[in-house]
Amino acid sequence: MRKPRIFHDLPLTASPLAVGAVLQLGDDAANHVGRVLRMQVGQALQLFSGDGNNYDASIVQVDKRQVQVRVDAVTANSSEAPVAIHLGQGISRGDRMDFVLQKSVELGVSAITPLFTERCGVKLTGERLDKKQQQWQKIVIAACEQSGRSVVPLVHQPQSLQDWLNQLPPALRLTLDPHATTPLQQQVVAAERIQLLIGPEGGLTDSEVSQAQAHQFAPVRLGPRVLRTETAALAALTVIQYQFGDLA
């Protein structure tokens, strides 16, 4: 039976978990282990904290309010793709955005920035925006638990397309365009970092396409059909990982 994988959040300044260390799981993790999975003392699980390692552990104490575990072994996790893909995703309505986040993590994306665009139908500000970002990050963590990843992609603060374009570091930049002359499979990838821009429902406006091109985003197409925003992101990630990453 596969061991349950549980994310254990460590402060950025904390040292990696050591063999023999006994630690208390956070509230969300303890609730999942103790109340949802109903695990008992002595049962095994696997922790990860975002540093690229897997930590085999066993439960030493469990009750209604807390779960303590002991770290038994540490192993490096080699599940990360050789190409780092930063997805700039136009925010969509309903559960479409949640779906894209979850599946893009399974496909190996390394970072995600939700983007407010001209045709974005979602209005989020202030506390609602902060809560939504936290919710999206939890979706990403759950996808890492499920898919076996031990590096957690960061969901960046949602921002406007122009702000995102203005602050990007050097990388190969691609955006999907059904009218582009270059198929994605013919795109030459010599960089280890890719920034992929996907528009929202209704796509990017002509002005936004021009903004992206001004920031060296190369338009590429996936095929003769126009894809929905959630389909486009996942199809593009799949092709990139198949051509240049680790999907065989």
Protein backbone atom coordinates (compact mmCIF):
# COMPACT_ATOMS: atom_id res chain seq x y z
CA MET A 1 0.00 0.00 0.00
CA ARG A 2 1.25 3.45 -0.87
CA LYS A 3 2.15 5.60 2.13
CA PRO A 4 0.06 8.76 2.56
CA ARG A 5 2.11 11.82 1.55
CA ILE A 6 1.71 14.81 3.86
CA PHE A 7 3.05 18.33 3.47
CA HIS A 8 4.82 19.63 6.57
CA ASP A 9 5.27 23.39 6.36
CA LEU A 10 8.64 24.59 7.63
CA PRO A 11 9.73 28.23 8.07
CA LEU A 12 12.08 29.39 5.33
CA THR A 13 14.89 29.76 7.85
CA ALA A 14 14.42 26.29 9.38
CA SER A 15 16.92 23.48 8.90
CA PRO A 16 15.90 20.39 6.89
CA LEU A 17 14.23 17.62 8.85
CA ALA A 18 16.70 15.19 10.43
CA VAL A 19 16.41 11.46 10.99
CA GLY A 20 15.19 10.82 14.52
CA ALA A 21 13.48 14.20 14.86
CA VAL A 22 10.03 14.13 16.47
CA LEU A 23 7.71 16.83 15.26
CA GLN A 24 4.12 17.90 15.53
CA LEU A 25 2.11 18.17 12.35
CA GLY A 26 0.29 21.41 11.54
CA ASP A 27 -3.46 21.68 12.08
CA ASP A 28 -4.47 20.84 8.49
CA ALA A 29 -2.07 17.90 8.24
CA ALA A 30 -3.04 16.58 11.69
CA ASN A 31 -6.72 16.76 10.83
CA HIS A 32 -6.13 14.85 7.60
CA VAL A 33 -4.00 12.18 9.25
CA GLY A 34 -5.99 11.77 12.46
CA ARG A 35 -9.59 12.44 11.46
CA VAL A 36 -9.78 11.77 7.73
CA LEU A 37 -7.34 8.88 7.33
CA ARG A 38 -7.82 7.68 10.95
CA MET A 39 -4.17 6.65 11.17
CA GLN A 40 -2.85 5.15 14.38
CA VAL A 41 0.42 5.03 16.33
CA GLY A 42 3.07 3.03 14.49
CA GLN A 43 1.65 3.57 11.02
CA ALA A 44 3.95 4.92 8.31
CA LEU A 45 3.59 8.04 6.20
CA GLN A 46 5.79 10.21 4.04
CA LEU A 47 6.42 13.89 4.66
CA PHE A 48 7.73 16.57 2.34
CA SER A 49 8.45 20.19 3.14
CA GLY A 50 9.22 21.70 -0.27
CA ASP A 51 13.00 21.17 -0.19
CA GLY A 52 13.04 18.33 -2.72
CA ASN A 53 13.34 15.50 -0.19
CA ASN A 54 10.99 12.77 0.97
CA TYR A 55 10.91 12.05 4.69
CA ASP A 56 9.69 8.60 5.66
CA ALA A 57 8.10 8.86 9.11
CA SER A 58 5.99 6.96 11.60
CA ILE A 59 3.31 8.15 13.99
CA VAL A 60 4.31 8.24 17.65
CA GLN A 61 1.26 10.00 19.06
CA VAL A 62 -2.21 10.76 17.74
CA ASP A 63 -5.34 12.21 19.35
CA LYS A 64 -8.20 14.49 18.39
CA ARG A 65 -6.08 17.64 18.45
CA GLN A 66 -2.56 16.72 17.43
CA VAL A 67 -0.37 14.19 15.66
CA GLN A 68 3.32 13.66 16.36
CA VAL A 69 5.61 11.77 14.01
CA ARG A 70 9.23 10.62 14.01
CA VAL A 71 11.42 11.00 10.93
CA ASP A 72 12.88 7.58 10.05
CA ALA A 73 14.67 8.18 6.74
CA VAL A 74 15.46 10.92 4.22
CA THR A 75 15.70 10.41 0.45
CA ALA A 76 16.09 12.84 -2.43
CA ASN A 77 13.07 13.07 -4.73
CA SER A 78 13.97 13.16 -8.43
CA SER A 79 10.47 13.92 -9.73
CA GLU A 80 11.17 17.51 -10.86
CA ALA A 81 11.27 18.22 -14.59
CA PRO A 82 14.55 19.34 -16.23
CA VAL A 83 12.84 22.43 -17.63
CA ALA A 84 11.39 25.05 -15.25
CA ILE A 85 8.05 26.34 -16.54
CA HIS A 86 6.48 29.49 -15.11
CA LEU A 87 2.81 29.59 -16.11
CA GLY A 88 1.14 32.97 -16.43
CA GLN A 89 -2.55 32.00 -16.46
CA GLY A 90 -5.42 34.36 -17.16
CA ILE A 91 -7.86 33.98 -14.27
CA SER A 92 -11.03 32.15 -15.24
CA ARG A 93 -14.40 31.76 -13.53
CA GLY A 94 -15.73 28.92 -11.41
CA ASP A 95 -13.59 25.89 -10.79
CA ARG A 96 -11.68 26.17 -14.07
CA MET A 97 -8.78 27.99 -12.40
CA ASP A 98 -8.61 25.36 -9.64
CA PHE A 99 -8.51 22.65 -12.31
CA VAL A 100 -5.65 24.33 -14.20
CA LEU A 101 -3.62 24.76 -11.01
CA GLN A 102 -4.07 21.14 -9.97
CA LYS A 103 -3.29 19.60 -13.34
CA SER A 104 -0.40 21.95 -14.17
CA VAL A 105 1.31 20.82 -10.97
CA GLU A 106 0.86 17.20 -12.02
CA LEU A 107 2.47 18.12 -15.34
CA GLY A 108 5.52 19.61 -13.63
CA VAL A 109 5.01 23.38 -13.69
CA SER A 110 7.46 25.18 -11.39
CA ALA A 111 5.58 28.44 -10.69
CA ILE A 112 2.18 29.98 -11.44
CA THR A 113 1.07 33.59 -11.62
CA PRO A 114 -2.70 34.20 -11.91
CA LEU A 115 -3.22 37.15 -14.24
CA PHE A 116 -5.89 39.83 -14.44
CA THR A 117 -6.49 40.55 -18.11
CA GLU A 118 -8.93 42.70 -20.06
CA ARG A 119 -11.34 39.82 -20.59
CA CYS A 120 -10.98 38.40 -17.10
CA GLY A 121 -14.45 38.06 -15.58
CA VAL A 122 -13.22 37.65 -12.00
CA LYS A 123 -13.03 40.63 -9.64
CA LEU A 124 -10.90 40.07 -6.55
CA THR A 125 -9.32 42.68 -4.28
CA GLY A 126 -8.04 43.05 -0.74
CA GLU A 127 -8.88 40.29 1.72
CA ARG A 128 -10.82 38.27 -0.86
CA LEU A 129 -7.77 38.25 -3.12
CA ASP A 130 -5.47 37.14 -0.29
CA LYS A 131 -7.84 34.31 0.67
CA LYS A 132 -8.12 33.18 -2.94
CA GLN A 133 -4.34 33.07 -3.30
CA GLN A 134 -4.09 30.99 -0.12
CA GLN A 135 -6.78 28.65 -1.44
CA TRP A 136 -4.90 28.25 -4.72
CA GLN A 137 -1.67 27.48 -2.87
CA LYS A 138 -3.45 24.76 -0.89
CA ILE A 139 -4.67 23.24 -4.15
CA VAL A 140 -1.07 23.18 -5.38
CA ILE A 141 0.12 21.52 -2.16
CA ALA A 142 -2.59 18.86 -2.43
CA ALA A 143 -1.57 18.22 -6.04
CA CYS A 144 2.05 17.72 -4.88
CA GLU A 145 0.87 15.23 -2.26
CA GLN A 146 -1.03 13.30 -4.91
CA SER A 147 1.53 13.44 -7.71
CA GLY A 148 4.62 12.63 -5.66
CA ARG A 149 6.40 15.97 -5.97
CA SER A 150 8.51 17.31 -3.10
CA VAL A 151 9.12 20.81 -4.47
CA VAL A 152 6.01 22.96 -4.10
CA PRO A 153 5.36 25.40 -6.96
CA LEU A 154 4.66 28.91 -5.72
CA VAL A 155 1.37 30.59 -6.60
CA HIS A 156 2.51 34.19 -6.96
CA GLN A 157 0.38 37.17 -6.00
CA PRO A 158 -2.26 37.66 -8.71
CA GLN A 159 -1.42 40.72 -10.79
CA SER A 160 -2.12 42.48 -14.04
CA LEU A 161 -0.65 41.12 -17.25
CA GLN A 162 1.43 44.27 -17.76
CA ASP A 163 2.92 44.11 -14.26
CA TRP A 164 3.86 40.46 -14.82
CA LEU A 165 5.48 41.20 -18.15
CA ASN A 166 7.49 44.06 -16.70
CA GLN A 167 9.16 41.98 -13.98
CA LEU A 168 9.98 38.68 -15.69
CA PRO A 169 13.60 37.43 -15.60
CA PRO A 170 15.28 36.15 -18.79
CA ALA A 171 13.76 32.97 -20.22
CA LEU A 172 12.25 31.50 -23.37
CA ARG A 173 8.80 33.08 -23.63
CA LEU A 174 5.86 31.43 -25.38
CA THR A 175 2.19 32.24 -25.78
CA LEU A 176 -0.49 30.27 -27.58
CA ASP A 177 -2.07 31.79 -30.66
CA PRO A 178 -4.34 29.73 -32.98
CA HIS A 179 -3.23 31.97 -35.87
CA ALA A 180 0.51 31.63 -35.26
CA THR A 181 2.63 30.20 -38.08
CA THR A 182 4.97 28.19 -35.83
CA PRO A 183 3.65 24.96 -34.28
CA LEU A 184 4.69 24.46 -30.67
CA GLN A 185 6.37 21.15 -31.53
CA GLN A 186 8.73 23.00 -33.91
CA GLN A 187 9.74 25.61 -31.34
CA VAL A 188 13.44 25.38 -30.57
CA VAL A 189 14.04 25.19 -26.83
CA ALA A 190 17.63 25.83 -25.76
CA ALA A 191 16.81 27.37 -22.38
CA GLU A 192 16.18 25.63 -19.08
CA ARG A 193 13.49 28.17 -18.19
CA ILE A 194 10.25 28.76 -20.04
CA GLN A 195 7.56 31.36 -19.38
CA LEU A 196 4.20 30.29 -20.80
CA LEU A 197 1.38 32.82 -21.16
CA ILE A 198 -2.19 31.52 -21.44
CA GLY A 199 -5.13 33.90 -21.87
CA PRO A 200 -8.45 33.74 -20.01
CA GLU A 201 -11.84 32.74 -21.33
CA GLY A 202 -12.26 34.74 -24.50
CA GLY A 203 -8.50 34.94 -24.99
CA LEU A 204 -6.13 37.88 -24.94
CA THR A 205 -7.10 41.10 -26.68
CA ASP A 206 -5.11 42.42 -29.64
CA SER A 207 -3.56 44.99 -27.33
CA GLU A 208 -2.45 42.31 -24.88
CA VAL A 209 -1.03 40.18 -27.68
CA SER A 210 1.01 43.19 -28.77
CA GLN A 211 2.19 43.76 -25.18
CA ALA A 212 3.34 40.15 -24.95
CA GLN A 213 5.16 40.33 -28.28
CA ALA A 214 6.88 43.53 -27.14
CA HIS A 215 8.25 41.49 -24.24
CA GLN A 216 9.59 38.77 -26.56
CA PHE A 217 6.75 36.27 -26.16
CA ALA A 218 6.81 34.10 -29.29
CA PRO A 219 3.34 33.09 -30.55
CA VAL A 220 2.96 29.35 -31.21
CA ARG A 221 -0.02 27.19 -32.10
CA LEU A 222 -1.08 23.75 -30.92
CA GLY A 223 -3.25 22.78 -33.85
CA PRO A 224 -6.16 23.85 -36.06
CA ARG A 225 -8.72 24.09 -33.26
CA VAL A 226 -9.34 26.83 -30.69
CA LEU A 227 -8.96 25.41 -27.17
CA ARG A 228 -10.64 26.52 -23.97
CA THR A 229 -8.34 28.28 -21.53
CA GLU A 230 -8.03 25.30 -19.18
CA THR A 231 -7.45 22.91 -22.09
CA ALA A 232 -4.88 25.19 -23.71
CA ALA A 233 -2.68 25.42 -20.61
CA LEU A 234 -2.60 21.68 -20.01
CA ALA A 235 -2.14 20.78 -23.68
CA ALA A 236 0.78 23.20 -23.97
CA LEU A 237 2.42 21.94 -20.79
CA THR A 238 2.06 18.36 -22.01
CA VAL A 239 3.68 19.13 -25.36
CA ILE A 240 6.53 21.07 -23.73
CA GLN A 241 7.22 18.30 -21.24
CA TYR A 242 7.04 15.66 -23.96
CA GLN A 243 9.35 17.56 -26.31
CA PHE A 244 11.79 19.06 -23.85
CA GLY A 245 11.00 17.73 -20.37
CA ASP A 246 10.50 14.31 -18.86
CA LEU A 247 7.24 12.95 -20.29
CA ALA A 248 8.02 9.89 -22.40
